[in-house]
C-alpha cells in the first residue's frame, strides 16, 4: 500500500510540475515579437506611450488603472482592486502567460476603447512597456 501511495504522490507531483498553469509559456519580448509580426511592423514605443495615456474619447485610459508610468502598483479605477506593475522590468510575471495576455488585452481594450485593440496598438503598447527600465 505504501508503494502505491508513493507512486501516486510522485505522479501527482510530476503532473503539477508539468502543468501549464504553473509555468510561464511566453515572455514580454515574445509577446512583442508576436504582435509586431501580426501588425506587419515593429512596435513603436513612442506611439505606445501616447496610446497608453490617451482616453480615446472615453472615461478611462490604460493609465487610469495602471498608472503613469506603469512601473508601480496600480489601482482599478472602478473597483479599487490593486494591480501589479505592468512594465515587465518591474514585474517579472507580466506578460508570461499567453492566455492571460489575450484575456486582459481583450477586456481592457474593450473597457478603454469599446472595441478590441488592433495588432498595431498591442505591439506599440508592448514596445512602450518593454522600454521602461529601472
Protein backbone atom coordinates (compact mmCIF):
# COMPACT_ATOMS: atom_id res chain seq x y z
CA UNK A 1 0.00 0.00 0.00
CA UNK A 2 2.85 2.39 0.81
CA UNK A 3 4.40 1.81 -2.63
CA UNK A 4 1.10 2.61 -4.36
CA UNK A 5 0.71 5.79 -2.30
CA UNK A 6 4.30 6.83 -3.04
CA UNK A 7 3.85 6.24 -6.77
CA UNK A 8 0.55 8.13 -6.77
CA UNK A 9 2.15 11.06 -4.94
CA UNK A 10 5.11 11.06 -7.34
CA UNK A 11 2.76 11.03 -10.34
CA UNK A 12 0.77 13.92 -8.88
CA UNK A 13 3.95 15.94 -8.32
CA UNK A 14 5.13 15.30 -11.89
CA UNK A 15 1.74 16.29 -13.27
CA UNK A 16 1.69 19.51 -11.21
CA UNK A 17 5.21 20.43 -12.31
CA UNK A 18 4.32 19.88 -15.97
CA UNK A 19 1.01 21.73 -15.78
CA UNK A 20 0.98 24.87 -18.00
CA UNK A 21 -0.80 26.85 -15.29
CA UNK A 22 2.32 26.51 -13.14
CA UNK A 23 4.86 27.53 -15.76
CA UNK A 24 5.32 30.61 -17.93
CA UNK A 25 4.70 29.91 -21.60
CA UNK A 26 5.85 33.23 -23.04
CA UNK A 27 7.79 36.41 -22.28
CA UNK A 28 7.08 40.09 -22.80
CA UNK A 29 9.66 40.10 -25.61
CA UNK A 30 7.96 37.13 -27.29
CA UNK A 31 4.58 38.86 -26.99
CA UNK A 32 6.06 41.99 -28.59
CA UNK A 33 7.53 39.90 -31.42
CA UNK A 34 4.20 38.11 -31.93
CA UNK A 35 2.10 41.28 -32.12
CA UNK A 36 4.71 43.07 -34.25
CA UNK A 37 4.55 40.16 -36.71
CA UNK A 38 0.74 40.30 -36.68
CA UNK A 39 0.90 44.06 -37.28
CA UNK A 40 3.44 43.72 -40.07
CA UNK A 41 5.71 46.28 -38.45
CA UNK A 42 7.71 46.63 -35.22
CA UNK A 43 6.01 48.14 -32.21
CA UNK A 44 6.69 51.83 -31.67
CA UNK A 45 7.35 52.75 -28.01
CA UNK A 46 6.58 56.46 -28.53
CA UNK A 47 3.20 55.69 -30.12
CA UNK A 48 2.58 53.10 -27.40
CA UNK A 49 3.14 55.71 -24.68
CA UNK A 50 0.71 58.13 -26.34
CA UNK A 51 -1.86 55.34 -26.78
CA UNK A 52 -1.41 54.15 -23.17
CA UNK A 53 -2.06 57.63 -21.73
CA UNK A 54 -4.89 58.71 -24.09
CA UNK A 55 -8.57 58.47 -23.13
CA UNK A 56 -9.70 57.66 -26.70
CA UNK A 57 -12.93 59.61 -26.27
CA UNK A 58 -13.98 57.65 -23.19
CA UNK A 59 -13.70 57.98 -19.45
CA UNK A 60 -10.60 55.81 -18.97
CA UNK A 61 -7.13 55.36 -20.41
CA UNK A 62 -4.80 52.42 -19.75
CA UNK A 63 -3.01 54.74 -17.30
CA UNK A 64 -6.24 55.30 -15.34
CA UNK A 65 -5.66 51.94 -13.65
CA UNK A 66 -2.04 51.07 -14.41
CA UNK A 67 -0.51 54.47 -13.58
CA UNK A 68 1.86 56.81 -15.36
CA UNK A 69 4.34 55.32 -15.84
CA UNK A 70 3.06 51.77 -15.15
CA UNK A 71 6.11 50.84 -13.08
CA UNK A 72 4.49 50.68 -9.64
CA UNK A 73 1.35 49.10 -8.25
CA UNK A 74 -1.80 50.41 -9.90
CA UNK A 75 -5.40 50.51 -8.75
CA UNK A 76 -8.50 49.67 -10.77
CA UNK A 77 -10.39 52.92 -11.34
CA UNK A 78 -13.79 51.36 -10.69
CA UNK A 79 -13.23 48.57 -8.14
CA UNK A 80 -10.17 49.91 -6.32
CA UNK A 81 -8.51 46.50 -6.63
CA UNK A 82 -4.69 46.55 -6.59
CA UNK A 83 -2.95 45.84 -9.89
CA UNK A 84 0.67 44.65 -10.12
CA UNK A 85 3.09 46.85 -12.08
CA UNK A 86 2.54 46.34 -15.81
CA UNK A 87 6.05 47.09 -17.09
CA UNK A 88 7.96 43.79 -17.32
CA UNK A 89 11.18 45.23 -15.83
CA UNK A 90 9.20 45.99 -12.66
CA UNK A 91 7.09 42.81 -12.62
CA UNK A 92 8.76 39.60 -13.83
CA UNK A 93 5.36 37.89 -14.16
CA UNK A 94 3.98 40.49 -16.57
CA UNK A 95 3.15 39.05 -19.99
CA UNK A 96 4.33 35.50 -19.17
CA UNK A 97 1.00 33.70 -19.70
CA UNK A 98 -0.43 33.85 -23.23
CA UNK A 99 -4.00 33.12 -22.12
CA UNK A 100 -3.89 35.93 -19.55
CA UNK A 101 -2.30 38.35 -22.02
CA UNK A 102 -5.07 37.65 -24.54
CA UNK A 103 -7.78 37.87 -21.86
CA UNK A 104 -6.56 41.17 -20.40
CA UNK A 105 -5.91 42.83 -23.76
CA UNK A 106 -9.44 41.87 -24.84
CA UNK A 107 -11.07 43.04 -21.59
CA UNK A 108 -9.05 46.21 -21.07
CA UNK A 109 -9.20 47.33 -24.70
CA UNK A 110 -12.97 46.91 -24.58
CA UNK A 111 -13.12 49.00 -21.37
CA UNK A 112 -10.92 51.79 -22.77
CA UNK A 113 -11.83 51.74 -26.48
CA UNK A 114 -15.20 49.95 -26.57
CA UNK A 115 -13.57 47.55 -29.03
CA UNK A 116 -10.69 45.12 -29.27
CA UNK A 117 -7.23 46.61 -29.81
CA UNK A 118 -5.59 46.13 -33.18
CA UNK A 119 -2.33 44.22 -33.57
CA UNK A 120 -0.55 47.54 -34.20
CA UNK A 121 -1.91 49.03 -30.96
CA UNK A 122 -0.90 45.93 -28.97
CA UNK A 123 2.60 45.97 -30.48
CA UNK A 124 3.02 49.69 -29.75
CA UNK A 125 1.88 49.34 -26.12
CA UNK A 126 4.14 46.33 -25.60
CA UNK A 127 7.07 48.24 -27.12
CA UNK A 128 6.41 51.08 -24.66
CA UNK A 129 6.10 48.75 -21.66
CA UNK A 130 9.22 46.78 -22.62
CA UNK A 131 11.19 50.03 -22.96
CA UNK A 132 10.52 51.07 -19.34
CA UNK A 133 13.57 50.28 -17.20
CA UNK A 134 14.53 50.92 -13.55
